[in-house]
Amino acid sequence: MLSGLCLVTPALTLLLLSRQVAKLAQEVEAPRLLLSALYDLSRSTPSQIASGRQSNIDPSICITLSQEDLFRTLRGREIASRFLSTFIVKELEGRRPSHACTRPQNCRMAFECVTFDLLRDVNGLLCNRNSDVLFAIAECAGLLATEGTKTDGRFFVCRWCHAEFCDVVQRARAEVWTSLPTWFNVEADDWGTI
């Protein structure tokens, strides 16, 4: 903490830490930890994932992913990206209001705005939220406001459309979570649910 500001750990340090966690997880045969580390790494750009990083403790040591873990990470990242693209097309693009909707035109426009907001960030230029599929999908619901709440830059929808969409978001996030072991090719039998 410096002058009331929290100092954020640089992204490269987090990449290094995730690589070290992945290596440790392999050594101690901890598949859940390995899967978490690979997912964390997959939120970075492919070049950041593939490049090695010097250790903060010993600069003569370069920490890289094994060929297998690199492939797992890039594969998982690609599948997650496809899932998000499919989610946008199936659940957001041209989304129809709920049958009980009280303001169909407003709700339709709000869903279009969320769609455009996500598409603008497709290359991670705005918030880089698309590289974390769990966050991106949750953020879709977070971009919507309902009656009686402050909009705070969010898009207004009726409570019926909001409830239906939040259910869709929860199901999609649960599907992502349970699919992570398959996407990253890690046998984590006790992975659990979101």
N, C-alpha and C. Protein backbone atom coordinates (compact mmCIF):
# COMPACT_ATOMS: atom_id res chain seq x y z
N MET A 1 0.85 -1.17 0.00
CA MET A 1 0.00 0.00 0.00
C MET A 1 0.90 1.24 0.00
N LEU A 2 0.62 2.13 -0.93
CA LEU A 2 1.43 3.32 -1.05
C LEU A 2 0.49 4.50 -1.29
N SER A 3 0.48 5.46 -0.37
CA SER A 3 -0.37 6.64 -0.49
C SER A 3 -1.84 6.26 -0.73
N GLY A 4 -2.32 5.25 -0.01
CA GLY A 4 -3.72 4.85 -0.14
C GLY A 4 -4.03 4.05 -1.40
N LEU A 5 -3.01 3.74 -2.20
CA LEU A 5 -3.23 2.96 -3.42
C LEU A 5 -2.69 1.56 -3.22
N CYS A 6 -3.42 0.59 -3.71
CA CYS A 6 -2.99 -0.80 -3.66
C CYS A 6 -2.07 -1.06 -4.84
N LEU A 7 -0.92 -1.63 -4.60
CA LEU A 7 0.00 -1.96 -5.68
C LEU A 7 -0.38 -3.31 -6.26
N VAL A 8 -0.64 -3.34 -7.53
CA VAL A 8 -1.03 -4.57 -8.20
C VAL A 8 0.21 -5.33 -8.64
N THR A 9 0.17 -6.66 -8.46
CA THR A 9 1.28 -7.48 -8.91
C THR A 9 1.33 -7.46 -10.42
N PRO A 10 2.48 -7.19 -11.00
CA PRO A 10 2.57 -7.16 -12.47
C PRO A 10 2.13 -8.48 -13.08
N ALA A 11 1.51 -8.38 -14.25
CA ALA A 11 0.98 -9.57 -14.94
C ALA A 11 2.07 -10.60 -15.20
N LEU A 12 3.27 -10.14 -15.51
CA LEU A 12 4.34 -11.09 -15.80
C LEU A 12 4.72 -11.90 -14.58
N THR A 13 4.62 -11.30 -13.39
CA THR A 13 4.89 -12.03 -12.16
C THR A 13 3.82 -13.10 -11.95
N LEU A 14 2.57 -12.78 -12.26
CA LEU A 14 1.50 -13.76 -12.15
C LEU A 14 1.69 -14.89 -13.14
N LEU A 15 2.16 -14.59 -14.34
CA LEU A 15 2.46 -15.63 -15.33
C LEU A 15 3.54 -16.57 -14.81
N LEU A 16 4.56 -15.98 -14.22
CA LEU A 16 5.65 -16.77 -13.66
C LEU A 16 5.13 -17.67 -12.55
N LEU A 17 4.33 -17.12 -11.66
CA LEU A 17 3.77 -17.88 -10.56
C LEU A 17 2.90 -19.03 -11.07
N SER A 18 2.06 -18.77 -12.08
CA SER A 18 1.21 -19.82 -12.64
C SER A 18 2.05 -20.93 -13.25
N ARG A 19 3.15 -20.58 -13.90
CA ARG A 19 4.04 -21.60 -14.47
C ARG A 19 4.64 -22.45 -13.36
N GLN A 20 5.06 -21.79 -12.27
CA GLN A 20 5.65 -22.51 -11.16
C GLN A 20 4.62 -23.43 -10.49
N VAL A 21 3.39 -22.95 -10.36
CA VAL A 21 2.32 -23.77 -9.77
C VAL A 21 2.04 -24.98 -10.66
N ALA A 22 2.00 -24.77 -11.98
CA ALA A 22 1.77 -25.88 -12.91
C ALA A 22 2.88 -26.93 -12.77
N LYS A 23 4.11 -26.47 -12.68
CA LYS A 23 5.24 -27.40 -12.54
C LYS A 23 5.14 -28.17 -11.22
N LEU A 24 4.85 -27.47 -10.15
CA LEU A 24 4.70 -28.11 -8.84
C LEU A 24 3.54 -29.11 -8.85
N ALA A 25 2.42 -28.72 -9.46
CA ALA A 25 1.25 -29.61 -9.52
C ALA A 25 1.59 -30.90 -10.26
N GLN A 26 2.41 -30.81 -11.31
CA GLN A 26 2.85 -32.01 -12.03
C GLN A 26 3.70 -32.89 -11.11
N GLU A 27 4.60 -32.26 -10.38
CA GLU A 27 5.53 -33.01 -9.52
C GLU A 27 4.81 -33.74 -8.40
N VAL A 28 3.80 -33.10 -7.80
CA VAL A 28 3.11 -33.71 -6.66
C VAL A 28 1.80 -34.39 -7.07
N GLU A 29 1.57 -34.47 -8.38
CA GLU A 29 0.39 -35.12 -8.93
C GLU A 29 -0.90 -34.55 -8.32
N ALA A 30 -1.07 -33.25 -8.49
CA ALA A 30 -2.26 -32.54 -8.00
C ALA A 30 -3.03 -32.00 -9.21
N PRO A 31 -3.90 -32.82 -9.83
CA PRO A 31 -4.56 -32.40 -11.07
C PRO A 31 -5.45 -31.17 -10.93
N ARG A 32 -6.11 -31.00 -9.79
CA ARG A 32 -6.96 -29.81 -9.62
C ARG A 32 -6.12 -28.54 -9.62
N LEU A 33 -4.98 -28.60 -8.98
CA LEU A 33 -4.08 -27.46 -8.93
C LEU A 33 -3.50 -27.18 -10.32
N LEU A 34 -3.15 -28.25 -11.03
CA LEU A 34 -2.64 -28.10 -12.40
C LEU A 34 -3.69 -27.45 -13.29
N LEU A 35 -4.92 -27.93 -13.21
CA LEU A 35 -6.00 -27.38 -14.02
C LEU A 35 -6.22 -25.90 -13.72
N SER A 36 -6.18 -25.54 -12.45
CA SER A 36 -6.34 -24.13 -12.06
C SER A 36 -5.22 -23.27 -12.62
N ALA A 37 -4.00 -23.79 -12.55
CA ALA A 37 -2.85 -23.03 -13.07
C ALA A 37 -2.93 -22.87 -14.59
N LEU A 38 -3.32 -23.94 -15.29
CA LEU A 38 -3.43 -23.86 -16.75
C LEU A 38 -4.54 -22.90 -17.16
N TYR A 39 -5.67 -22.94 -16.45
CA TYR A 39 -6.75 -22.00 -16.76
C TYR A 39 -6.28 -20.57 -16.53
N ASP A 40 -5.58 -20.35 -15.42
CA ASP A 40 -5.06 -19.02 -15.12
C ASP A 40 -4.12 -18.55 -16.23
N LEU A 41 -3.24 -19.43 -16.68
CA LEU A 41 -2.32 -19.08 -17.77
C LEU A 41 -3.07 -18.81 -19.06
N SER A 42 -4.15 -19.54 -19.31
CA SER A 42 -4.89 -19.40 -20.57
C SER A 42 -5.53 -18.03 -20.72
N ARG A 43 -5.62 -17.28 -19.65
CA ARG A 43 -6.19 -15.94 -19.72
C ARG A 43 -5.21 -14.92 -20.28
N SER A 44 -3.98 -15.35 -20.51
CA SER A 44 -2.95 -14.48 -21.10
C SER A 44 -2.92 -14.66 -22.61
N THR A 45 -2.15 -13.83 -23.27
CA THR A 45 -2.02 -13.96 -24.73
C THR A 45 -1.18 -15.21 -25.05
N PRO A 46 -1.37 -15.79 -26.23
CA PRO A 46 -0.57 -16.97 -26.59
C PRO A 46 0.94 -16.73 -26.52
N SER A 47 1.39 -15.56 -26.92
CA SER A 47 2.84 -15.29 -26.85
C SER A 47 3.32 -15.24 -25.41
N GLN A 48 2.52 -14.70 -24.52
CA GLN A 48 2.90 -14.67 -23.10
C GLN A 48 2.90 -16.08 -22.51
N ILE A 49 1.96 -16.90 -22.95
CA ILE A 49 1.89 -18.28 -22.46
C ILE A 49 3.13 -19.06 -22.90
N ALA A 50 3.50 -18.89 -24.16
CA ALA A 50 4.58 -19.68 -24.74
C ALA A 50 5.97 -19.24 -24.31
N SER A 51 6.14 -17.97 -24.04
CA SER A 51 7.49 -17.48 -23.70
C SER A 51 7.84 -17.84 -22.27
N GLY A 52 9.10 -18.10 -22.05
CA GLY A 52 9.59 -18.37 -20.70
C GLY A 52 9.82 -17.08 -19.95
N ARG A 53 9.89 -17.17 -18.67
CA ARG A 53 10.14 -15.99 -17.82
C ARG A 53 11.28 -16.30 -16.87
N GLN A 54 12.10 -15.30 -16.63
CA GLN A 54 13.19 -15.46 -15.66
C GLN A 54 12.61 -15.47 -14.26
N SER A 55 13.20 -16.28 -13.43
CA SER A 55 12.80 -16.36 -12.03
C SER A 55 13.14 -15.04 -11.33
N ASN A 56 12.25 -14.58 -10.47
CA ASN A 56 12.52 -13.37 -9.69
C ASN A 56 13.61 -13.62 -8.66
N ILE A 57 13.74 -14.86 -8.25
CA ILE A 57 14.72 -15.21 -7.22
C ILE A 57 16.09 -15.43 -7.83
N ASP A 58 16.13 -16.18 -8.93
CA ASP A 58 17.40 -16.49 -9.59
C ASP A 58 17.26 -16.20 -11.09
N PRO A 59 17.73 -15.03 -11.55
CA PRO A 59 17.58 -14.65 -12.96
C PRO A 59 18.22 -15.61 -13.95
N SER A 60 19.10 -16.50 -13.48
CA SER A 60 19.72 -17.47 -14.40
C SER A 60 18.75 -18.61 -14.73
N ILE A 61 17.64 -18.69 -14.02
CA ILE A 61 16.65 -19.75 -14.26
C ILE A 61 15.51 -19.19 -15.08
N CYS A 62 15.23 -19.86 -16.18
CA CYS A 62 14.10 -19.48 -17.04
C CYS A 62 13.00 -20.53 -16.86
N ILE A 63 11.84 -20.09 -16.44
CA ILE A 63 10.74 -21.01 -16.18
C ILE A 63 9.80 -21.03 -17.39
N THR A 64 9.65 -22.21 -17.96
CA THR A 64 8.76 -22.40 -19.11
C THR A 64 7.82 -23.55 -18.82
N LEU A 65 6.78 -23.64 -19.61
CA LEU A 65 5.87 -24.77 -19.53
C LEU A 65 6.47 -25.94 -20.30
N SER A 66 6.15 -27.14 -19.86
CA SER A 66 6.54 -28.30 -20.65
C SER A 66 5.76 -28.24 -21.97
N GLN A 67 6.23 -28.95 -22.96
CA GLN A 67 5.56 -28.98 -24.26
C GLN A 67 4.10 -29.43 -24.09
N GLU A 68 3.89 -30.43 -23.24
CA GLU A 68 2.54 -30.96 -23.01
C GLU A 68 1.65 -29.91 -22.36
N ASP A 69 2.15 -29.22 -21.34
CA ASP A 69 1.34 -28.19 -20.66
C ASP A 69 1.10 -26.98 -21.55
N LEU A 70 2.07 -26.64 -22.39
CA LEU A 70 1.87 -25.55 -23.33
C LEU A 70 0.73 -25.90 -24.29
N PHE A 71 0.76 -27.11 -24.81
CA PHE A 71 -0.29 -27.55 -25.72
C PHE A 71 -1.64 -27.57 -25.01
N ARG A 72 -1.67 -28.09 -23.79
CA ARG A 72 -2.92 -28.13 -23.01
C ARG A 72 -3.49 -26.72 -22.82
N THR A 73 -2.61 -25.80 -22.46
CA THR A 73 -3.04 -24.43 -22.18
C THR A 73 -3.58 -23.75 -23.43
N LEU A 74 -2.85 -23.86 -24.53
CA LEU A 74 -3.31 -23.22 -25.77
C LEU A 74 -4.58 -23.88 -26.29
N ARG A 75 -4.69 -25.19 -26.17
CA ARG A 75 -5.90 -25.91 -26.59
C ARG A 75 -7.10 -25.46 -25.74
N GLY A 76 -6.91 -25.44 -24.44
CA GLY A 76 -7.99 -25.01 -23.55
C GLY A 76 -8.41 -23.58 -23.82
N ARG A 77 -7.44 -22.72 -24.09
CA ARG A 77 -7.73 -21.31 -24.39
C ARG A 77 -8.56 -21.19 -25.66
N GLU A 78 -8.21 -21.96 -26.68
CA GLU A 78 -8.94 -21.93 -27.95
C GLU A 78 -10.37 -22.44 -27.78
N ILE A 79 -10.54 -23.53 -27.05
CA ILE A 79 -11.89 -24.07 -26.84
C ILE A 79 -12.73 -23.10 -26.03
N ALA A 80 -12.13 -22.47 -25.02
CA ALA A 80 -12.86 -21.48 -24.21
C ALA A 80 -13.30 -20.30 -25.08
N SER A 81 -12.42 -19.87 -25.97
CA SER A 81 -12.74 -18.77 -26.87
C SER A 81 -13.91 -19.15 -27.79
N ARG A 82 -13.89 -20.37 -28.29
CA ARG A 82 -15.00 -20.84 -29.14
C ARG A 82 -16.30 -20.90 -28.36
N PHE A 83 -16.21 -21.35 -27.11
CA PHE A 83 -17.41 -21.43 -26.27
C PHE A 83 -18.02 -20.04 -26.11
N LEU A 84 -17.17 -19.05 -25.83
CA LEU A 84 -17.67 -17.69 -25.65
C LEU A 84 -18.30 -17.17 -26.95
N SER A 85 -17.66 -17.43 -28.07
CA SER A 85 -18.22 -17.00 -29.36
C SER A 85 -19.59 -17.63 -29.60
N THR A 86 -19.69 -18.91 -29.32
CA THR A 86 -20.97 -19.62 -29.49
C THR A 86 -22.02 -19.08 -28.53
N PHE A 87 -21.62 -18.78 -27.30
CA PHE A 87 -22.55 -18.21 -26.32
C PHE A 87 -23.10 -16.88 -26.83
N ILE A 88 -22.22 -16.05 -27.36
CA ILE A 88 -22.65 -14.74 -27.87
C ILE A 88 -23.67 -14.93 -28.99
N VAL A 89 -23.38 -15.83 -29.91
CA VAL A 89 -24.28 -16.04 -31.05
C VAL A 89 -25.61 -16.65 -30.61
N LYS A 90 -25.55 -17.67 -29.76
CA LYS A 90 -26.77 -18.39 -29.36
C LYS A 90 -27.62 -17.65 -28.34
N GLU A 91 -26.97 -16.98 -27.40
CA GLU A 91 -27.72 -16.44 -26.26
C GLU A 91 -27.86 -14.92 -26.24
N LEU A 92 -27.05 -14.20 -26.99
CA LEU A 92 -27.11 -12.74 -26.96
C LEU A 92 -27.54 -12.12 -28.28
N GLU A 93 -26.87 -12.52 -29.35
CA GLU A 93 -27.12 -11.92 -30.65
C GLU A 93 -28.58 -12.16 -31.07
N GLY A 94 -29.32 -11.10 -31.23
CA GLY A 94 -30.72 -11.22 -31.64
C GLY A 94 -31.62 -11.82 -30.58
N ARG A 95 -31.21 -11.74 -29.31
CA ARG A 95 -31.99 -12.33 -28.22
C ARG A 95 -33.38 -11.73 -28.16
N ARG A 96 -34.36 -12.59 -28.05
CA ARG A 96 -35.75 -12.14 -27.94
C ARG A 96 -36.11 -11.92 -26.48
N PRO A 97 -36.93 -10.94 -26.23
CA PRO A 97 -37.35 -10.69 -24.85
C PRO A 97 -38.18 -11.85 -24.30
N SER A 98 -38.29 -11.91 -23.01
CA SER A 98 -39.10 -12.92 -22.33
C SER A 98 -40.56 -12.79 -22.78
N HIS A 99 -41.31 -13.88 -22.67
CA HIS A 99 -42.74 -13.82 -23.02
C HIS A 99 -43.49 -12.88 -22.07
N ALA A 100 -42.98 -12.73 -20.86
CA ALA A 100 -43.63 -11.86 -19.87
C ALA A 100 -43.04 -10.45 -19.88
N CYS A 101 -42.20 -10.14 -20.84
CA CYS A 101 -41.49 -8.86 -20.89
C CYS A 101 -42.46 -7.69 -20.92
N THR A 102 -42.13 -6.68 -20.13
CA THR A 102 -42.96 -5.47 -20.05
C THR A 102 -42.47 -4.36 -20.97
N ARG A 103 -41.25 -4.47 -21.46
CA ARG A 103 -40.65 -3.45 -22.34
C ARG A 103 -39.79 -4.12 -23.42
N PRO A 104 -40.42 -4.82 -24.36
CA PRO A 104 -39.66 -5.62 -25.32
C PRO A 104 -38.62 -4.83 -26.12
N GLN A 105 -38.95 -3.64 -26.53
CA GLN A 105 -38.00 -2.86 -27.34
C GLN A 105 -36.76 -2.48 -26.52
N ASN A 106 -36.98 -2.04 -25.28
CA ASN A 106 -35.86 -1.68 -24.40
C ASN A 106 -34.97 -2.88 -24.11
N CYS A 107 -35.61 -4.01 -23.83
CA CYS A 107 -34.84 -5.21 -23.49
C CYS A 107 -34.06 -5.71 -24.70
N ARG A 108 -34.66 -5.68 -25.85
CA ARG A 108 -33.97 -6.11 -27.08
C ARG A 108 -32.73 -5.23 -27.30
N MET A 109 -32.91 -3.93 -27.14
CA MET A 109 -31.78 -2.99 -27.32
C MET A 109 -30.69 -3.23 -26.28
N ALA A 110 -31.09 -3.52 -25.04
CA ALA A 110 -30.10 -3.77 -23.98
C ALA A 110 -29.25 -4.99 -24.31
N PHE A 111 -29.89 -6.06 -24.78
CA PHE A 111 -29.13 -7.26 -25.14
C PHE A 111 -28.22 -7.00 -26.33
N GLU A 112 -28.66 -6.17 -27.26
CA GLU A 112 -27.80 -5.80 -28.40
C GLU A 112 -26.59 -5.01 -27.91
N CYS A 113 -26.81 -4.12 -26.95
CA CYS A 113 -25.70 -3.33 -26.41
C CYS A 113 -24.68 -4.22 -25.71
N VAL A 114 -25.14 -5.20 -24.95
CA VAL A 114 -24.23 -6.14 -24.29
C VAL A 114 -23.45 -6.91 -25.34
N THR A 115 -24.14 -7.35 -26.39
CA THR A 115 -23.48 -8.07 -27.49
C THR A 115 -22.39 -7.21 -28.10
N PHE A 116 -22.69 -5.98 -28.43
CA PHE A 116 -21.71 -5.09 -29.05
C PHE A 116 -20.55 -4.81 -28.10
N ASP A 117 -20.85 -4.67 -26.82
CA ASP A 117 -19.80 -4.43 -25.85
C ASP A 117 -18.81 -5.59 -25.81
N LEU A 118 -19.32 -6.81 -25.83
CA LEU A 118 -18.45 -7.98 -25.85
C LEU A 118 -17.68 -8.10 -27.16
N LEU A 119 -18.35 -7.85 -28.27
CA LEU A 119 -17.69 -7.96 -29.57
C LEU A 119 -16.59 -6.92 -29.74
N ARG A 120 -16.78 -5.74 -29.17
CA ARG A 120 -15.73 -4.72 -29.24
C ARG A 120 -14.47 -5.18 -28.53
N ASP A 121 -14.65 -6.05 -27.55
CA ASP A 121 -13.52 -6.51 -26.76
C ASP A 121 -12.99 -7.86 -27.24
N VAL A 122 -13.35 -8.24 -28.45
CA VAL A 122 -12.98 -9.55 -28.98
C VAL A 122 -11.48 -9.79 -28.99
N ASN A 123 -10.69 -8.79 -29.18
CA ASN A 123 -9.23 -8.96 -29.17
C ASN A 123 -8.60 -8.50 -27.86
N GLY A 124 -9.41 -8.31 -26.85
CA GLY A 124 -8.88 -7.94 -25.55
C GLY A 124 -8.37 -6.52 -25.49
N LEU A 125 -8.79 -5.68 -26.41
CA LEU A 125 -8.26 -4.32 -26.45
C LEU A 125 -8.87 -3.42 -25.39
N LEU A 126 -10.11 -3.71 -24.97
CA LEU A 126 -10.75 -2.85 -23.99
C LEU A 126 -10.49 -3.33 -22.57
N CYS A 127 -11.04 -4.47 -22.21
CA CYS A 127 -10.93 -4.96 -20.83
C CYS A 127 -10.24 -6.32 -20.75
N ASN A 128 -9.98 -6.95 -21.88
CA ASN A 128 -9.41 -8.29 -21.96
C ASN A 128 -10.25 -9.31 -21.21
N ARG A 129 -11.57 -9.06 -21.16
CA ARG A 129 -12.42 -9.99 -20.43
C ARG A 129 -12.72 -11.25 -21.23
N ASN A 130 -12.52 -11.18 -22.56
CA ASN A 130 -12.85 -12.35 -23.38
C ASN A 130 -11.88 -13.50 -23.18
N SER A 131 -10.72 -13.28 -22.60
CA SER A 131 -9.78 -14.35 -22.38
C SER A 131 -10.12 -15.16 -21.12
N ASP A 132 -11.03 -14.68 -20.33
CA ASP A 132 -11.51 -15.42 -19.15
C ASP A 132 -12.99 -15.67 -19.37
N VAL A 133 -13.30 -16.84 -19.92
CA VAL A 133 -14.68 -17.13 -20.33
C VAL A 133 -15.64 -17.12 -19.15
N LEU A 134 -15.22 -17.57 -17.98
CA LEU A 134 -16.11 -17.55 -16.81
C LEU A 134 -16.47 -16.12 -16.43
N PHE A 135 -15.47 -15.24 -16.45
CA PHE A 135 -15.72 -13.84 -16.13
C PHE A 135 -16.57 -13.17 -17.21
N ALA A 136 -16.24 -13.42 -18.47
CA ALA A 136 -16.95 -12.77 -19.58
C ALA A 136 -18.43 -13.10 -19.57
N ILE A 137 -18.75 -14.35 -19.33
CA ILE A 137 -20.16 -14.75 -19.31
C ILE A 137 -20.87 -14.14 -18.11
N ALA A 138 -20.24 -14.15 -16.95
CA ALA A 138 -20.84 -13.53 -15.77
C ALA A 138 -21.02 -12.03 -15.98
N GLU A 139 -20.05 -11.41 -16.65
CA GLU A 139 -20.11 -9.97 -16.91
C GLU A 139 -21.29 -9.60 -17.79
N CYS A 140 -21.72 -10.52 -18.66
CA CYS A 140 -22.90 -10.26 -19.50
C CYS A 140 -24.10 -9.92 -18.63
N ALA A 141 -24.33 -10.70 -17.59
CA ALA A 141 -25.45 -10.42 -16.68
C ALA A 141 -25.14 -9.17 -15.86
N GLY A 142 -23.88 -8.96 -15.52
CA GLY A 142 -23.49 -7.78 -14.75
C GLY A 142 -23.66 -6.47 -15.49
N LEU A 143 -23.74 -6.55 -16.81
CA LEU A 143 -23.93 -5.33 -17.61
C LEU A 143 -25.39 -4.91 -17.69
N LEU A 144 -26.27 -5.72 -17.09
CA LEU A 144 -27.71 -5.43 -17.15
C LEU A 144 -28.21 -4.92 -15.81
N ALA A 145 -29.12 -3.95 -15.85
CA ALA A 145 -29.75 -3.41 -14.64
C ALA A 145 -31.26 -3.62 -14.76
N THR A 146 -31.93 -3.74 -13.63
CA THR A 146 -33.38 -3.93 -13.62
C THR A 146 -34.07 -2.74 -12.94
N GLU A 147 -35.39 -2.74 -13.00
CA GLU A 147 -36.16 -1.67 -12.37
C GLU A 147 -35.80 -1.55 -10.89
N GLY A 148 -35.69 -0.35 -10.43
CA GLY A 148 -35.41 -0.11 -9.03
C GLY A 148 -33.94 -0.16 -8.67
N THR A 149 -33.06 -0.36 -9.63
CA THR A 149 -31.63 -0.36 -9.35
C THR A 149 -30.97 0.78 -10.12
N LYS A 150 -29.83 1.21 -9.63
CA LYS A 150 -29.07 2.22 -10.36
C LYS A 150 -28.50 1.58 -11.62
N THR A 151 -28.49 2.32 -12.68
CA THR A 151 -27.95 1.75 -13.91
C THR A 151 -26.43 1.74 -13.90
N ASP A 152 -25.78 2.75 -13.34
CA ASP A 152 -24.31 2.81 -13.24
C ASP A 152 -23.62 2.34 -14.53
N GLY A 153 -24.09 2.83 -15.65
CA GLY A 153 -23.48 2.46 -16.92
C GLY A 153 -23.95 1.13 -17.46
N ARG A 154 -24.86 0.48 -16.74
CA ARG A 154 -25.38 -0.80 -17.21
C ARG A 154 -26.60 -0.55 -18.09
N PHE A 155 -27.02 -1.58 -18.79
CA PHE A 155 -28.15 -1.48 -19.70
C PHE A 155 -29.42 -1.98 -19.03
N PHE A 156 -30.51 -1.24 -19.17
CA PHE A 156 -31.75 -1.53 -18.47
C PHE A 156 -32.57 -2.62 -19.16
N VAL A 157 -33.01 -3.62 -18.40
CA VAL A 157 -33.94 -4.65 -18.88
C VAL A 157 -35.02 -4.87 -17.81
N CYS A 158 -36.16 -5.40 -18.23
CA CYS A 158 -37.22 -5.71 -17.26
C CYS A 158 -36.79 -6.90 -16.40
N ARG A 159 -37.46 -7.08 -15.29
CA ARG A 159 -37.05 -8.15 -14.36
C ARG A 159 -37.23 -9.54 -14.95
N TRP A 160 -38.18 -9.71 -15.87
CA TRP A 160 -38.44 -11.01 -16.48
C TRP A 160 -37.29 -11.40 -17.41
N CYS A 161 -36.89 -10.46 -18.23
CA CYS A 161 -35.77 -10.72 -19.14
C CYS A 161 -34.48 -10.94 -18.35
N HIS A 162 -34.32 -10.16 -17.29
CA HIS A 162 -33.13 -10.29 -16.46
C HIS A 162 -33.07 -11.67 -15.81
N ALA A 163 -34.18 -12.13 -15.25
CA ALA A 163 -34.22 -13.43 -14.58
C ALA A 163 -33.93 -14.56 -15.57
N GLU A 164 -34.55 -14.51 -16.75
CA GLU A 164 -34.32 -15.54 -17.76
C GLU A 164 -32.86 -15.56 -18.20
N PHE A 165 -32.30 -14.37 -18.42
CA PHE A 165 -30.92 -14.31 -18.89
C PHE A 165 -29.94 -14.76 -17.80
N CYS A 166 -30.22 -14.41 -16.55
CA CYS A 166 -29.35 -14.85 -15.45
C CYS A 166 -29.33 -16.37 -15.34
N ASP A 167 -30.47 -17.01 -15.60
CA ASP A 167 -30.51 -18.48 -15.62
C ASP A 167 -29.62 -19.03 -16.74
N VAL A 168 -29.70 -18.41 -17.91
CA VAL A 168 -28.87 -18.83 -19.04
C VAL A 168 -27.39 -18.68 -18.68
N VAL A 169 -27.06 -17.57 -18.05
CA VAL A 169 -25.67 -17.30 -17.66
C VAL A 169 -25.19 -18.35 -16.66
N GLN A 170 -26.00 -18.67 -15.67
CA GLN A 170 -25.61 -19.67 -14.67
C GLN A 170 -25.38 -21.04 -15.31
N ARG A 171 -26.27 -21.44 -16.22
CA ARG A 171 -26.11 -22.73 -16.90
C ARG A 171 -24.84 -22.74 -17.76
N ALA A 172 -24.58 -21.66 -18.45
CA ALA A 172 -23.38 -21.58 -19.30
C ALA A 172 -22.11 -21.64 -18.46
N ARG A 173 -22.09 -20.93 -17.35
CA ARG A 173 -20.90 -20.95 -16.48
C ARG A 173 -20.69 -22.34 -15.88
N ALA A 174 -21.79 -23.00 -15.51
CA ALA A 174 -21.68 -24.37 -14.98
C ALA A 174 -21.13 -25.31 -16.05
N GLU A 175 -21.57 -25.13 -17.29
CA GLU A 175 -21.06 -25.95 -18.39
C GLU A 175 -19.58 -25.71 -18.60
N VAL A 176 -19.15 -24.46 -18.57
CA VAL A 176 -17.72 -24.15 -18.72
C VAL A 176 -16.94 -24.84 -17.61
N TRP A 177 -17.39 -24.65 -16.38
CA TRP A 177 -16.66 -25.18 -15.23
C TRP A 177 -16.48 -26.69 -15.33
N THR A 178 -17.57 -27.40 -15.64
CA THR A 178 -17.46 -28.86 -15.71
C THR A 178 -16.68 -29.31 -16.94
N SER A 179 -16.57 -28.47 -17.96
CA SER A 179 -15.84 -28.82 -19.17
C SER A 179 -14.34 -28.54 -19.08
N LEU A 180 -13.91 -27.75 -18.13
CA LEU A 180 -12.49 -27.37 -18.04
C LEU A 180 -11.53 -28.56 -18.04
N PRO A 181 -11.81 -29.63 -17.27
CA PRO A 181 -10.87 -30.76 -17.32
C PRO A 181 -10.72 -31.34 -18.73
N THR A 182 -11.81 -31.43 -19.47
CA THR A 182 -11.75 -31.95 -20.84
C THR A 182 -11.02 -30.97 -21.74
N TRP A 183 -11.33 -29.68 -21.64
CA TRP A 183 -10.71 -28.67 -22.49
C TRP A 183 -9.20 -28.64 -22.33
N PHE A 184 -8.75 -28.81 -21.08
CA PHE A 184 -7.32 -28.72 -20.80
C PHE A 184 -6.65 -30.10 -20.70
N ASN A 185 -7.43 -31.14 -21.00
CA ASN A 185 -6.93 -32.51 -21.01
C ASN A 185 -6.23 -32.87 -19.70
N VAL A 186 -6.92 -32.60 -18.59
CA VAL A 186 -6.42 -32.92 -17.26
C VAL A 186 -7.46 -33.79 -16.58
N GLU A 187 -7.05 -34.95 -16.10
CA GLU A 187 -7.97 -35.83 -15.39
C GLU A 187 -8.11 -35.34 -13.95
N ALA A 188 -9.20 -34.65 -13.69
CA ALA A 188 -9.48 -34.12 -12.36
C ALA A 188 -10.86 -34.63 -11.96
N ASP A 189 -10.90 -35.87 -11.48
CA ASP A 189 -12.16 -36.53 -11.18
C ASP A 189 -13.01 -35.79 -10.15
N ASP A 190 -12.38 -35.14 -9.21
CA ASP A 190 -13.10 -34.45 -8.15
C ASP A 190 -13.20 -32.94 -8.38
N TRP A 191 -13.28 -32.53 -9.64
CA TRP A 191 -13.29 -31.11 -9.99
C TRP A 191 -14.48 -30.39 -9.39
N GLY A 192 -15.63 -31.02 -9.33
CA GLY A 192 -16.81 -30.42 -8.71
C GLY A 192 -17.58 -29.51 -9.63
N THR A 193 -18.48 -28.75 -9.03
CA THR A 193 -19.33 -27.84 -9.78
C THR A 193 -19.08 -26.41 -9.32
N ILE A 194 -19.58 -25.49 -10.12
CA ILE A 194 -19.36 -24.07 -9.83
C ILE A 194 -20.30 -23.60 -8.73
